[in-house]
PDB file of N, CA and C in Angstrom:
ATOM      1  N   MET A   1       0.344 -10.201  25.466  1.00  0.00           N
ATOM      2  CA  MET A   1       0.157 -10.413  24.088  1.00  0.00           C
ATOM      3  C   MET A   1       0.770 -11.787  23.774  1.00  0.00           C
ATOM      4  N   SER A   2      -0.053 -12.552  23.098  1.00  0.00           N
ATOM      5  CA  SER A   2       0.371 -14.055  22.699  1.00  0.00           C
ATOM      6  C   SER A   2       1.256 -13.807  21.356  1.00  0.00           C
ATOM      7  N   GLN A   3       2.213 -14.759  21.259  1.00  0.00           N
ATOM      8  CA  GLN A   3       3.053 -14.693  20.070  1.00  0.00           C
ATOM      9  C   GLN A   3       2.172 -14.839  18.877  1.00  0.00           C
ATOM     10  N   ARG A   4       1.071 -15.615  18.970  1.00  0.00           N
ATOM     11  CA  ARG A   4       0.141 -15.792  17.789  1.00  0.00           C
ATOM     12  C   ARG A   4      -0.306 -14.498  17.319  1.00  0.00           C
ATOM     13  N   ASP A   5      -0.398 -13.412  18.119  1.00  0.00           N
ATOM     14  CA  ASP A   5      -0.754 -12.088  17.719  1.00  0.00           C
ATOM     15  C   ASP A   5       0.139 -11.462  16.704  1.00  0.00           C
ATOM     16  N   GLU A   6       1.419 -12.018  16.688  1.00  0.00           N
ATOM     17  CA  GLU A   6       2.465 -11.572  15.829  1.00  0.00           C
ATOM     18  C   GLU A   6       2.601 -12.353  14.395  1.00  0.00           C
ATOM     19  N   PHE A   7       1.601 -13.277  14.194  1.00  0.00           N
ATOM     20  CA  PHE A   7       1.483 -14.015  12.856  1.00  0.00           C
ATOM     21  C   PHE A   7       0.215 -13.571  12.098  1.00  0.00           C
ATOM     22  N   HIS A   8       0.374 -13.411  10.884  1.00  0.00           N
ATOM     23  CA  HIS A   8      -0.716 -12.993  10.026  1.00  0.00           C
ATOM     24  C   HIS A   8      -0.673 -13.758   8.653  1.00  0.00           C
ATOM     25  N   HIS A   9      -1.690 -13.655   7.830  1.00  0.00           N
ATOM     26  CA  HIS A   9      -1.798 -14.372   6.577  1.00  0.00           C
ATOM     27  C   HIS A   9      -2.031 -13.231   5.600  1.00  0.00           C
ATOM     28  N   LEU A  10      -1.279 -13.171   4.452  1.00  0.00           N
ATOM     29  CA  LEU A  10      -1.252 -12.132   3.508  1.00  0.00           C
ATOM     30  C   LEU A  10      -2.649 -11.966   2.848  1.00  0.00           C
ATOM     31  N   PHE A  11      -3.440 -13.188   2.625  1.00  0.00           N
ATOM     32  CA  PHE A  11      -4.621 -13.114   1.907  1.00  0.00           C
ATOM     33  C   PHE A  11      -5.935 -13.249   2.856  1.00  0.00           C
ATOM     34  N   ASP A  12      -5.704 -13.178   4.169  1.00  0.00           N
ATOM     35  CA  ASP A  12      -6.821 -13.243   5.042  1.00  0.00           C
ATOM     36  C   ASP A  12      -7.421 -11.840   5.244  1.00  0.00           C
ATOM     37  N   GLU A  13      -8.554 -11.615   4.583  1.00  0.00           N
ATOM     38  CA  GLU A  13      -9.087 -10.259   4.515  1.00  0.00           C
ATOM     39  C   GLU A  13      -9.722  -9.821   5.782  1.00  0.00           C
ATOM     40  N   THR A  14      -9.673 -10.702   6.760  1.00  0.00           N
ATOM     41  CA  THR A  14     -10.239 -10.205   8.224  1.00  0.00           C
ATOM     42  C   THR A  14      -9.151  -9.758   9.055  1.00  0.00           C
ATOM     43  N   GLN A  15      -7.975  -9.860   8.689  1.00  0.00           N
ATOM     44  CA  GLN A  15      -6.796  -9.426   9.465  1.00  0.00           C
ATOM     45  C   GLN A  15      -6.337  -8.098   9.082  1.00  0.00           C
ATOM     46  N   GLY A  16      -5.732  -7.278  10.051  1.00  0.00           N
ATOM     47  CA  GLY A  16      -5.151  -5.974   9.905  1.00  0.00           C
ATOM     48  C   GLY A  16      -6.236  -4.915  10.120  1.00  0.00           C
ATOM     49  N   LEU A  17      -5.808  -3.712  10.175  1.00  0.00           N
ATOM     50  CA  LEU A  17      -6.608  -2.432  10.344  1.00  0.00           C
ATOM     51  C   LEU A  17      -7.075  -2.074   8.964  1.00  0.00           C
ATOM     52  N   PHE A  18      -8.387  -1.969   8.806  1.00  0.00           N
ATOM     53  CA  PHE A  18      -8.953  -1.735   7.393  1.00  0.00           C
ATOM     54  C   PHE A  18      -8.990  -0.265   7.198  1.00  0.00           C
ATOM     55  N   ARG A  19      -8.668   0.134   5.958  1.00  0.00           N
ATOM     56  CA  ARG A  19      -8.657   1.584   5.593  1.00  0.00           C
ATOM     57  C   ARG A  19      -9.048   1.821   4.186  1.00  0.00           C
ATOM     58  N   GLU A  20     -10.145   2.652   3.938  1.00  0.00           N
ATOM     59  CA  GLU A  20     -10.402   2.887   2.483  1.00  0.00           C
ATOM     60  C   GLU A  20      -9.567   4.164   2.059  1.00  0.00           C
ATOM     61  N   LEU A  21      -8.735   4.037   1.208  1.00  0.00           N
ATOM     62  CA  LEU A  21      -7.811   5.033   0.750  1.00  0.00           C
ATOM     63  C   LEU A  21      -8.534   5.972  -0.220  1.00  0.00           C
ATOM     64  N   ALA A  22      -9.242   5.481  -1.196  1.00  0.00           N
ATOM     65  CA  ALA A  22      -9.941   6.190  -2.134  1.00  0.00           C
ATOM     66  C   ALA A  22     -10.927   5.242  -2.813  1.00  0.00           C
ATOM     67  N   PRO A  23     -11.911   5.748  -3.597  1.00  0.00           N
ATOM     68  CA  PRO A  23     -12.811   4.803  -4.339  1.00  0.00           C
ATOM     69  C   PRO A  23     -12.048   3.732  -5.015  1.00  0.00           C
ATOM     70  N   GLY A  24     -12.327   2.450  -4.704  1.00  0.00           N
ATOM     71  CA  GLY A  24     -11.672   1.448  -5.441  1.00  0.00           C
ATOM     72  C   GLY A  24     -10.349   1.008  -4.802  1.00  0.00           C
ATOM     73  N   LEU A  25      -9.961   1.707  -3.781  1.00  0.00           N
ATOM     74  CA  LEU A  25      -8.677   1.370  -3.075  1.00  0.00           C
ATOM     75  C   LEU A  25      -8.777   1.031  -1.651  1.00  0.00           C
ATOM     76  N   THR A  26      -8.486  -0.068  -1.261  1.00  0.00           N
ATOM     77  CA  THR A  26      -8.614  -0.391   0.326  1.00  0.00           C
ATOM     78  C   THR A  26      -7.294  -0.965   0.636  1.00  0.00           C
ATOM     79  N   THR A  27      -6.963  -0.945   2.041  1.00  0.00           N
ATOM     80  CA  THR A  27      -5.748  -1.522   2.553  1.00  0.00           C
ATOM     81  C   THR A  27      -6.092  -2.152   3.911  1.00  0.00           C
ATOM     82  N   ARG A  28      -5.288  -3.138   4.248  1.00  0.00           N
ATOM     83  CA  ARG A  28      -5.223  -3.805   5.516  1.00  0.00           C
ATOM     84  C   ARG A  28      -3.786  -3.461   6.150  1.00  0.00           C
ATOM     85  N   ILE A  29      -3.744  -2.795   7.186  1.00  0.00           N
ATOM     86  CA  ILE A  29      -2.439  -2.386   7.807  1.00  0.00           C
ATOM     87  C   ILE A  29      -2.005  -3.131   8.919  1.00  0.00           C
ATOM     88  N   PHE A  30      -0.764  -3.465   8.984  1.00  0.00           N
ATOM     89  CA  PHE A  30      -0.099  -4.175  10.073  1.00  0.00           C
ATOM     90  C   PHE A  30       1.002  -3.327  10.639  1.00  0.00           C
ATOM     91  N   PRO A  31       0.720  -2.498  11.681  1.00  0.00           N
ATOM     92  CA  PRO A  31       1.734  -1.691  12.276  1.00  0.00           C
ATOM     93  C   PRO A  31       2.748  -2.395  13.176  1.00  0.00           C
ATOM     94  N   GLY A  32       3.959  -1.997  13.078  1.00  0.00           N
ATOM     95  CA  GLY A  32       4.965  -2.581  14.059  1.00  0.00           C
ATOM     96  C   GLY A  32       5.692  -1.332  14.778  1.00  0.00           C
ATOM     97  N   GLU A  33       6.653  -1.706  15.469  1.00  0.00           N
ATOM     98  CA  GLU A  33       7.424  -0.731  16.152  1.00  0.00           C
ATOM     99  C   GLU A  33       8.291   0.108  15.379  1.00  0.00           C
ATOM    100  N   HIS A  34       8.942  -0.426  14.338  1.00  0.00           N
ATOM    101  CA  HIS A  34       9.886   0.323  13.423  1.00  0.00           C
ATOM    102  C   HIS A  34       9.500   0.273  12.062  1.00  0.00           C
ATOM    103  N   ALA A  35       8.508  -0.530  11.636  1.00  0.00           N
ATOM    104  CA  ALA A  35       8.134  -0.788  10.216  1.00  0.00           C
ATOM    105  C   ALA A  35       6.695  -0.973  10.170  1.00  0.00           C
ATOM    106  N   MET A  36       6.144  -0.896   9.056  1.00  0.00           N
ATOM    107  CA  MET A  36       4.673  -1.199   8.891  1.00  0.00           C
ATOM    108  C   MET A  36       4.301  -1.768   7.463  1.00  0.00           C
ATOM    109  N   LEU A  37       3.500  -2.786   7.415  1.00  0.00           N
ATOM    110  CA  LEU A  37       3.063  -3.437   6.257  1.00  0.00           C
ATOM    111  C   LEU A  37       1.666  -2.935   5.938  1.00  0.00           C
ATOM    112  N   SER A  38       1.447  -2.707   4.588  1.00  0.00           N
ATOM    113  CA  SER A  38       0.081  -2.373   4.163  1.00  0.00           C
ATOM    114  C   SER A  38      -0.284  -3.310   2.916  1.00  0.00           C
ATOM    115  N   VAL A  39      -1.357  -3.985   2.980  1.00  0.00           N
ATOM    116  CA  VAL A  39      -1.780  -4.829   1.739  1.00  0.00           C
ATOM    117  C   VAL A  39      -2.827  -4.096   1.077  1.00  0.00           C
ATOM    118  N   VAL A  40      -2.496  -3.469  -0.129  1.00  0.00           N
ATOM    119  CA  VAL A  40      -3.441  -2.629  -0.732  1.00  0.00           C
ATOM    120  C   VAL A  40      -4.130  -3.448  -1.917  1.00  0.00           C
ATOM    121  N   THR A  41      -5.495  -3.246  -2.034  1.00  0.00           N
ATOM    122  CA  THR A  41      -6.204  -3.918  -3.174  1.00  0.00           C
ATOM    123  C   THR A  41      -6.785  -2.687  -3.992  1.00  0.00           C
ATOM    124  N   ILE A  42      -6.465  -2.698  -5.338  1.00  0.00           N
ATOM    125  CA  ILE A  42      -6.873  -1.605  -6.133  1.00  0.00           C
ATOM    126  C   ILE A  42      -7.766  -2.329  -7.214  1.00  0.00           C
ATOM    127  N   ALA A  43      -9.029  -1.845  -7.412  1.00  0.00           N
ATOM    128  CA  ALA A  43      -9.956  -2.325  -8.363  1.00  0.00           C
ATOM    129  C   ALA A  43      -9.522  -2.077  -9.757  1.00  0.00           C
ATOM    130  N   PRO A  44     -10.050  -2.790 -10.803  1.00  0.00           N
ATOM    131  CA  PRO A  44      -9.613  -2.529 -12.167  1.00  0.00           C
ATOM    132  C   PRO A  44      -9.774  -1.099 -12.569  1.00  0.00           C
ATOM    133  N   GLY A  45      -8.640  -0.470 -13.042  1.00  0.00           N
ATOM    134  CA  GLY A  45      -8.758   0.978 -13.450  1.00  0.00           C
ATOM    135  C   GLY A  45      -8.748   1.942 -12.400  1.00  0.00           C
ATOM    136  N   ALA A  46      -8.908   1.680 -11.039  1.00  0.00           N
ATOM    137  CA  ALA A  46      -8.996   2.608 -10.080  1.00  0.00           C
ATOM    138  C   ALA A  46      -7.634   3.256  -9.883  1.00  0.00           C
ATOM    139  N   MET A  47      -7.557   4.463  -9.419  1.00  0.00           N
ATOM    140  CA  MET A  47      -6.393   5.255  -9.130  1.00  0.00           C
ATOM    141  C   MET A  47      -6.437   6.031  -7.886  1.00  0.00           C
ATOM    142  N   GLY A  48      -5.337   6.005  -7.123  1.00  0.00           N
ATOM    143  CA  GLY A  48      -5.307   6.701  -5.960  1.00  0.00           C
ATOM    144  C   GLY A  48      -4.984   8.227  -6.190  1.00  0.00           C
ATOM    145  N   THR A  49      -4.975   8.991  -5.109  1.00  0.00           N
ATOM    146  CA  THR A  49      -4.659  10.403  -5.122  1.00  0.00           C
ATOM    147  C   THR A  49      -3.193  10.569  -5.102  1.00  0.00           C
ATOM    148  N   MET A  50      -2.581  11.558  -5.860  1.00  0.00           N
ATOM    149  CA  MET A  50      -1.199  11.842  -5.826  1.00  0.00           C
ATOM    150  C   MET A  50      -0.972  12.435  -4.377  1.00  0.00           C
ATOM    151  N   HIS A  51       0.065  11.819  -3.721  1.00  0.00           N
ATOM    152  CA  HIS A  51       0.353  12.297  -2.332  1.00  0.00           C
ATOM    153  C   HIS A  51       1.899  11.982  -2.028  1.00  0.00           C
ATOM    154  N   ASP A  52       2.277  12.498  -0.854  1.00  0.00           N
ATOM    155  CA  ASP A  52       3.572  12.138  -0.399  1.00  0.00           C
ATOM    156  C   ASP A  52       3.645  12.203   1.050  1.00  0.00           C
ATOM    157  N   HIS A  53       4.603  11.703   1.687  1.00  0.00           N
ATOM    158  CA  HIS A  53       4.798  11.555   3.118  1.00  0.00           C
ATOM    159  C   HIS A  53       6.142  11.419   3.457  1.00  0.00           C
ATOM    160  N   PRO A  54       6.612  11.773   4.700  1.00  0.00           N
ATOM    161  CA  PRO A  54       8.057  11.768   4.966  1.00  0.00           C
ATOM    162  C   PRO A  54       8.611  10.313   5.158  1.00  0.00           C
ATOM    163  N   GLU A  55       7.866   9.355   5.398  1.00  0.00           N
ATOM    164  CA  GLU A  55       8.296   7.948   5.574  1.00  0.00           C
ATOM    165  C   GLU A  55       8.790   7.356   4.280  1.00  0.00           C
ATOM    166  N   GLU A  56       9.816   6.542   4.264  1.00  0.00           N
ATOM    167  CA  GLU A  56      10.317   5.767   3.066  1.00  0.00           C
ATOM    168  C   GLU A  56       9.298   4.592   2.944  1.00  0.00           C
ATOM    169  N   GLN A  57       9.006   4.351   1.552  1.00  0.00           N
ATOM    170  CA  GLN A  57       8.038   3.256   1.263  1.00  0.00           C
ATOM    171  C   GLN A  57       8.552   2.385   0.227  1.00  0.00           C
ATOM    172  N   TRP A  58       8.443   1.050   0.474  1.00  0.00           N
ATOM    173  CA  TRP A  58       8.838   0.160  -0.520  1.00  0.00           C
ATOM    174  C   TRP A  58       7.495  -0.693  -0.907  1.00  0.00           C
ATOM    175  N   GLY A  59       7.391  -0.984  -2.266  1.00  0.00           N
ATOM    176  CA  GLY A  59       6.076  -1.617  -2.676  1.00  0.00           C
ATOM    177  C   GLY A  59       6.586  -2.855  -3.630  1.00  0.00           C
ATOM    178  N   VAL A  60       5.660  -3.796  -3.531  1.00  0.00           N
ATOM    179  CA  VAL A  60       5.793  -5.059  -4.216  1.00  0.00           C
ATOM    180  C   VAL A  60       4.469  -5.423  -4.935  1.00  0.00           C
ATOM    181  N   LEU A  61       4.437  -5.535  -6.281  1.00  0.00           N
ATOM    182  CA  LEU A  61       3.257  -5.939  -7.033  1.00  0.00           C
ATOM    183  C   LEU A  61       3.019  -7.406  -6.775  1.00  0.00           C
ATOM    184  N   LEU A  62       1.982  -7.774  -5.982  1.00  0.00           N
ATOM    185  CA  LEU A  62       1.759  -9.204  -5.723  1.00  0.00           C
ATOM    186  C   LEU A  62       0.874  -9.877  -6.801  1.00  0.00           C
ATOM    187  N   GLU A  63      -0.123  -9.083  -7.395  1.00  0.00           N
ATOM    188  CA  GLU A  63      -0.976  -9.598  -8.314  1.00  0.00           C
ATOM    189  C   GLU A  63      -1.387  -8.490  -9.299  1.00  0.00           C
ATOM    190  N   GLY A  64      -1.647  -8.868 -10.589  1.00  0.00           N
ATOM    191  CA  GLY A  64      -2.187  -7.899 -11.479  1.00  0.00           C
ATOM    192  C   GLY A  64      -1.114  -7.087 -12.165  1.00  0.00           C
ATOM    193  N   SER A  65      -1.471  -5.938 -12.612  1.00  0.00           N
ATOM    194  CA  SER A  65      -0.618  -4.928 -13.193  1.00  0.00           C
ATOM    195  C   SER A  65      -1.072  -3.568 -12.879  1.00  0.00           C
ATOM    196  N   ALA A  66      -0.166  -2.634 -13.159  1.00  0.00           N
ATOM    197  CA  ALA A  66      -0.455  -1.259 -12.765  1.00  0.00           C
ATOM    198  C   ALA A  66       0.466  -0.297 -13.385  1.00  0.00           C
ATOM    199  N   ILE A  67       0.202   1.005 -13.282  1.00  0.00           N
ATOM    200  CA  ILE A  67       1.031   2.146 -13.636  1.00  0.00           C
ATOM    201  C   ILE A  67       1.437   2.744 -12.393  1.00  0.00           C
ATOM    202  N   ARG A  68       2.718   2.871 -12.030  1.00  0.00           N
ATOM    203  CA  ARG A  68       3.122   3.626 -10.903  1.00  0.00           C
ATOM    204  C   ARG A  68       3.585   5.004 -11.390  1.00  0.00           C
ATOM    205  N   PHE A  69       3.000   6.050 -10.641  1.00  0.00           N
ATOM    206  CA  PHE A  69       3.240   7.466 -10.966  1.00  0.00           C
ATOM    207  C   PHE A  69       4.123   7.746  -9.797  1.00  0.00           C
ATOM    208  N   GLN A  70       5.378   8.180 -10.011  1.00  0.00           N
ATOM    209  CA  GLN A  70       6.300   8.644  -8.923  1.00  0.00           C
ATOM    210  C   GLN A  70       7.396   9.493  -9.441  1.00  0.00           C
ATOM    211  N   GLY A  71       7.461  10.606  -8.778  1.00  0.00           N
ATOM    212  CA  GLY A  71       8.554  11.606  -9.137  1.00  0.00           C
ATOM    213  C   GLY A  71       8.407  12.166 -10.466  1.00  0.00           C
ATOM    214  N   GLY A  72       7.234  12.383 -10.943  1.00  0.00           N
ATOM    215  CA  GLY A  72       6.987  12.853 -12.350  1.00  0.00           C
ATOM    216  C   GLY A  72       7.012  11.878 -13.459  1.00  0.00           C
ATOM    217  N   GLU A  73       7.136  10.528 -13.180  1.00  0.00           N
ATOM    218  CA  GLU A  73       7.247   9.561 -14.202  1.00  0.00           C
ATOM    219  C   GLU A  73       6.080   8.574 -14.155  1.00  0.00           C
ATOM    220  N   GLU A  74       5.807   8.000 -15.173  1.00  0.00           N
ATOM    221  CA  GLU A  74       4.766   6.815 -15.195  1.00  0.00           C
ATOM    222  C   GLU A  74       5.573   5.539 -15.604  1.00  0.00           C
ATOM    223  N   ILE A  75       5.484   4.602 -14.745  1.00  0.00           N
ATOM    224  CA  ILE A  75       6.218   3.333 -14.879  1.00  0.00           C
ATOM    225  C   ILE A  75       5.301   2.107 -14.814  1.00  0.00           C
ATOM    226  N   ALA A  76       5.195   1.341 -15.882  1.00  0.00           N
ATOM    227  CA  ALA A  76       4.407   0.160 -15.902  1.00  0.00           C
ATOM    228  C   ALA A  76       4.988  -0.885 -14.991  1.00  0.00           C
ATOM    229  N   VAL A  77       4.175  -1.546 -14.066  1.00  0.00           N
ATOM    230  CA  VAL A  77       4.672  -2.614 -13.268  1.00  0.00           C
ATOM    231  C   VAL A  77       3.802  -3.889 -13.428  1.00  0.00           C
ATOM    232  N   ARG A  78       4.522  -4.892 -13.205  1.00  0.00           N
ATOM    233  CA  ARG A  78       3.876  -6.270 -13.257  1.00  0.00           C
ATOM    234  C   ARG A  78       4.078  -7.080 -12.103  1.00  0.00           C
ATOM    235  N   LYS A  79       3.392  -8.149 -11.922  1.00  0.00           N
ATOM    236  CA  LYS A  79       3.577  -9.044 -10.818  1.00  0.00           C
ATOM    237  C   LYS A  79       5.067  -9.407 -10.663  1.00  0.00           C
ATOM    238  N   GLY A  80       5.611  -9.153  -9.419  1.00  0.00           N
ATOM    239  CA  GLY A  80       6.906  -9.386  -9.115  1.00  0.00           C
ATOM    240  C   GLY A  80       7.737  -8.207  -8.990  1.00  0.00           C
ATOM    241  N   ASP A  81       7.335  -7.149  -9.685  1.00  0.00           N
ATOM    242  CA  ASP A  81       8.084  -5.824  -9.694  1.00  0.00           C
ATOM    243  C   ASP A  81       8.047  -5.231  -8.258  1.00  0.00           C
ATOM    244  N   PHE A  82       9.194  -4.641  -7.806  1.00  0.00           N
ATOM    245  CA  PHE A  82       9.117  -3.864  -6.613  1.00  0.00           C
ATOM    246  C   PHE A  82       9.937  -2.533  -6.796  1.00  0.00           C
ATOM    247  N   TRP A  83       9.633  -1.625  -5.825  1.00  0.00           N
ATOM    248  CA  TRP A  83      10.206  -0.295  -6.036  1.00  0.00           C
ATOM    249  C   TRP A  83      10.377   0.308  -4.621  1.00  0.00           C
ATOM    250  N   ARG A  84      11.170   1.396  -4.664  1.00  0.00           N
ATOM    251  CA  ARG A  84      11.339   2.259  -3.443  1.00  0.00           C
ATOM    252  C   ARG A  84      10.963   3.609  -3.694  1.00  0.00           C
ATOM    253  N   THR A  85      10.208   4.301  -2.781  1.00  0.00           N
ATOM    254  CA  THR A  85       9.740   5.688  -2.801  1.00  0.00           C
ATOM    255  C   THR A  85      10.345   6.369  -1.696  1.00  0.00           C
ATOM    256  N   PRO A  86      11.336   7.197  -1.943  1.00  0.00           N
ATOM    257  CA  PRO A  86      11.964   7.967  -0.835  1.00  0.00           C
ATOM    258  C   PRO A  86      10.928   8.949  -0.116  1.00  0.00           C
ATOM    259  N   GLY A  87      11.011   9.236   1.070  1.00  0.00           N
ATOM    260  CA  GLY A  87      10.042  10.234   1.716  1.00  0.00           C
ATOM    261  C   GLY A  87      10.025  11.557   0.882  1.00  0.00           C
ATOM    262  N   GLY A  88       8.883  12.173   0.857  1.00  0.00           N
ATOM    263  CA  GLY A  88       8.735  13.463   0.166  1.00  0.00           C
ATOM    264  C   GLY A  88       8.542  13.401  -1.362  1.00  0.00           C
ATOM    265  N   VAL A  89       8.574  12.189  -1.897  1.00  0.00           N
ATOM    266  CA  VAL A  89       8.353  12.114  -3.274  1.00  0.00           C
ATOM    267  C   VAL A  89       6.852  11.827  -3.626  1.00  0.00           C
ATOM    268  N   PRO A  90       6.238  12.697  -4.465  1.00  0.00           N
ATOM    269  CA  PRO A  90       4.922  12.379  -4.922  1.00  0.00           C
ATOM    270  C   PRO A  90       4.659  11.140  -5.570  1.00  0.00           C
ATOM    271  N   HIS A  91       3.578  10.373  -5.340  1.00  0.00           N
ATOM    272  CA  HIS A  91       3.312   9.167  -5.867  1.00  0.00           C
ATOM    273  C   HIS A  91       1.800   8.721  -5.773  1.00  0.00           C
ATOM    274  N   THR A  92       1.519   7.702  -6.785  1.00  0.00           N
ATOM    275  CA  THR A  92       0.224   7.036  -6.634  1.00  0.00           C
ATOM    276  C   THR A  92       0.276   5.822  -7.589  1.00  0.00           C
ATOM    277  N   MET A  93      -0.748   5.150  -7.688  1.00  0.00           N
ATOM    278  CA  MET A  93      -0.856   3.950  -8.705  1.00  0.00           C
ATOM    279  C   MET A  93      -2.256   3.940  -9.296  1.00  0.00           C
ATOM    280  N   ARG A  94      -2.321   3.449 -10.569  1.00  0.00           N
ATOM    281  CA  ARG A  94      -3.516   3.119 -11.220  1.00  0.00           C
ATOM    282  C   ARG A  94      -3.480   1.575 -11.612  1.00  0.00           C
ATOM    283  N   ALA A  95      -4.507   0.834 -11.211  1.00  0.00           N
ATOM    284  CA  ALA A  95      -4.512  -0.576 -11.542  1.00  0.00           C
ATOM    285  C   ALA A  95      -4.778  -0.823 -12.945  1.00  0.00           C
ATOM    286  N   GLY A  96      -4.312  -1.985 -13.458  1.00  0.00           N
ATOM    287  CA  GLY A  96      -4.519  -2.302 -14.779  1.00  0.00           C
ATOM    288  C   GLY A  96      -5.900  -2.874 -14.976  1.00  0.00           C
ATOM    289  N   PRO A  97      -6.300  -3.491 -16.067  1.00  0.00           N
ATOM    290  CA  PRO A  97      -7.682  -3.933 -16.337  1.00  0.00           C
ATOM    291  C   PRO A  97      -8.107  -5.043 -15.386  1.00  0.00           C
ATOM    292  N   GLU A  98      -7.119  -5.803 -14.783  1.00  0.00           N
ATOM    293  CA  GLU A  98      -7.593  -6.874 -13.842  1.00  0.00           C
ATOM    294  C   GLU A  98      -7.513  -6.493 -12.393  1.00  0.00           C
ATOM    295  N   GLY A  99      -7.141  -5.291 -12.144  1.00  0.00           N
ATOM    296  CA  GLY A  99      -6.888  -4.802 -10.819  1.00  0.00           C
ATOM    297  C   GLY A  99      -5.509  -5.275 -10.326  1.00  0.00           C
ATOM    298  N   CYS A 100      -5.232  -4.873  -9.085  1.00  0.00           N
ATOM    299  CA  CYS A 100      -3.974  -5.438  -8.592  1.00  0.00           C
ATOM    300  C   CYS A 100      -3.974  -5.421  -6.986  1.00  0.00           C
ATOM    301  N   LYS A 101      -2.941  -6.072  -6.431  1.00  0.00           N
ATOM    302  CA  LYS A 101      -2.804  -6.133  -5.069  1.00  0.00           C
ATOM    303  C   LYS A 101      -1.289  -5.798  -4.790  1.00  0.00           C
ATOM    304  N   VAL A 102      -1.000  -4.926  -3.956  1.00  0.00           N
ATOM    305  CA  VAL A 102       0.353  -4.351  -3.613  1.00  0.00           C
ATOM    306  C   VAL A 102       0.606  -4.574  -2.145  1.00  0.00           C
ATOM    307  N   LEU A 103       1.839  -4.977  -1.892  1.00  0.00           N
ATOM    308  CA  LEU A 103       2.324  -4.940  -0.477  1.00  0.00           C
ATOM    309  C   LEU A 103       3.318  -3.720  -0.303  1.00  0.00           C
ATOM    310  N   ASP A 104       2.867  -2.752   0.568  1.00  0.00           N
ATOM    311  CA  ASP A 104       3.683  -1.706   0.910  1.00  0.00           C
ATOM    312  C   ASP A 104       4.402  -1.796   2.253  1.00  0.00           C
ATOM    313  N   ILE A 105       5.511  -1.424   2.343  1.00  0.00           N
ATOM    314  CA  ILE A 105       6.365  -1.486   3.543  1.00  0.00           C
ATOM    315  C   ILE A 105       6.760  -0.028   3.874  1.00  0.00           C
ATOM    316  N   PHE A 106       6.416   0.524   5.064  1.00  0.00           N
ATOM    317  CA  PHE A 106       6.876   1.923   5.486  1.00  0.00           C
ATOM    318  C   PHE A 106       7.742   1.742   6.650  1.00  0.00           C
ATOM    319  N   ALA A 107       8.797   2.653   6.638  1.00  0.00           N
ATOM    320  CA  ALA A 107       9.795   2.777   7.707  1.00  0.00           C
ATOM    321  C   ALA A 107      10.128   4.251   7.796  1.00  0.00           C
ATOM    322  N   PRO A 108       9.928   4.880   8.855  1.00  0.00           N
ATOM    323  CA  PRO A 108       9.204   4.300  10.115  1.00  0.00           C
ATOM    324  C   PRO A 108       7.697   4.145   9.689  1.00  0.00           C
ATOM    325  N   PRO A 109       6.841   3.594  10.642  1.00  0.00           N
ATOM    326  CA  PRO A 109       5.498   3.418  10.402  1.00  0.00           C
ATOM    327  C   PRO A 109       4.784   4.819  10.173  1.00  0.00           C
ATOM    328  N   ARG A 110       3.841   4.814   9.306  1.00  0.00           N
ATOM    329  CA  ARG A 110       2.944   6.028   9.140  1.00  0.00           C
ATOM    330  C   ARG A 110       2.074   6.293  10.285  1.00  0.00           C
ATOM    331  N   GLU A 111       2.151   7.296  11.037  1.00  0.00           N
ATOM    332  CA  GLU A 111       1.274   7.461  12.096  1.00  0.00           C
ATOM    333  C   GLU A 111      -0.217   7.611  11.808  1.00  0.00           C
ATOM    334  N   ALA A 112      -0.442   8.148  10.583  1.00  0.00           N
ATOM    335  CA  ALA A 112      -1.886   8.184  10.174  1.00  0.00           C
ATOM    336  C   ALA A 112      -2.540   6.836   9.859  1.00  0.00           C
ATOM    337  N   TYR A 113      -1.673   5.870   9.652  1.00  0.00           N
ATOM    338  CA  TYR A 113      -2.115   4.506   9.327  1.00  0.00           C
ATOM    339  C   TYR A 113      -2.220   3.643  10.571  1.00  0.00           C
ATOM    340  N   ARG A 114      -2.023   4.143  11.752  1.00  0.00           N
ATOM    341  CA  ARG A 114      -2.052   3.283  13.019  1.00  0.00           C
ATOM    342  C   ARG A 114      -3.529   3.060  13.487  1.00  0.00           C
ATOM    343  N   LYS A 115      -4.406   3.633  12.611  1.00  0.00           N
ATOM    344  CA  LYS A 115      -5.907   3.395  12.878  1.00  0.00           C
ATOM    345  C   LYS A 115      -6.692   3.235  11.735  1.00  0.00           C
ATOM    346  N   ALA A 116      -7.781   2.519  11.872  1.00  0.00           N
ATOM    347  CA  ALA A 116      -8.743   2.269  10.706  1.00  0.00           C
ATOM    348  C   ALA A 116      -9.331   3.638  10.312  1.00  0.00           C
ATOM    349  N   GLY A 117      -9.755   3.758   9.107  1.00  0.00           N
ATOM    350  CA  GLY A 117     -10.374   5.056   8.680  1.00  0.00           C
ATOM    351  C   GLY A 117     -10.455   5.153   7.175  1.00  0.00           C
ATOM    352  N   LYS A 118     -10.328   6.349   6.749  1.00  0.00           N
ATOM    353  CA  LYS A 118     -10.463   6.724   5.338  1.00  0.00           C
ATOM    354  C   LYS A 118      -9.349   7.650   4.952  1.00  0.00           C
ATOM    355  N   GLY A 119      -8.878   7.606   3.680  1.00  0.00           N
ATOM    356  CA  GLY A 119      -7.960   8.556   3.108  1.00  0.00           C
ATOM    357  C   GLY A 119      -6.454   8.193   3.315  1.00  0.00           C
ATOM    358  N   PHE A 120      -5.624   8.859   2.680  1.00  0.00           N
ATOM    359  CA  PHE A 120      -4.134   8.598   2.693  1.00  0.00           C
ATOM    360  C   PHE A 120      -3.500   9.143   3.944  1.00  0.00           C
ATOM    361  N   GLY A 121      -4.278   9.809   4.704  1.00  0.00           N
ATOM    362  CA  GLY A 121      -3.757  10.390   6.012  1.00  0.00           C
ATOM    363  C   GLY A 121      -3.721  11.812   5.983  1.00  0.00           C
TER     364      GLY A 121
END
């Protein structure tokens, strides 16, 4: 494997493993050995399915605005906000009127996200 295979661009839509999470929600996944990045694009007003997983998840809102549903709370987030979701905590997001882009970081990597496909796993 070339070292070039280890370099990516955040906004290059051709890179990463593509996964459709729900209507209006897509992600590009970059799996590593001990962590995984997921660049999620959410269409205006679209919302994911409430779900949980054992892996810890950090998220950064890169563009737009959204409501983060986590642990029974609804928290408005804007560009630059970031959060931690412990394993086992139910969560999802609904994009604001302009849609949003989120960078998620998982540790350890989510096994279900090691391949392209559909759904949250």
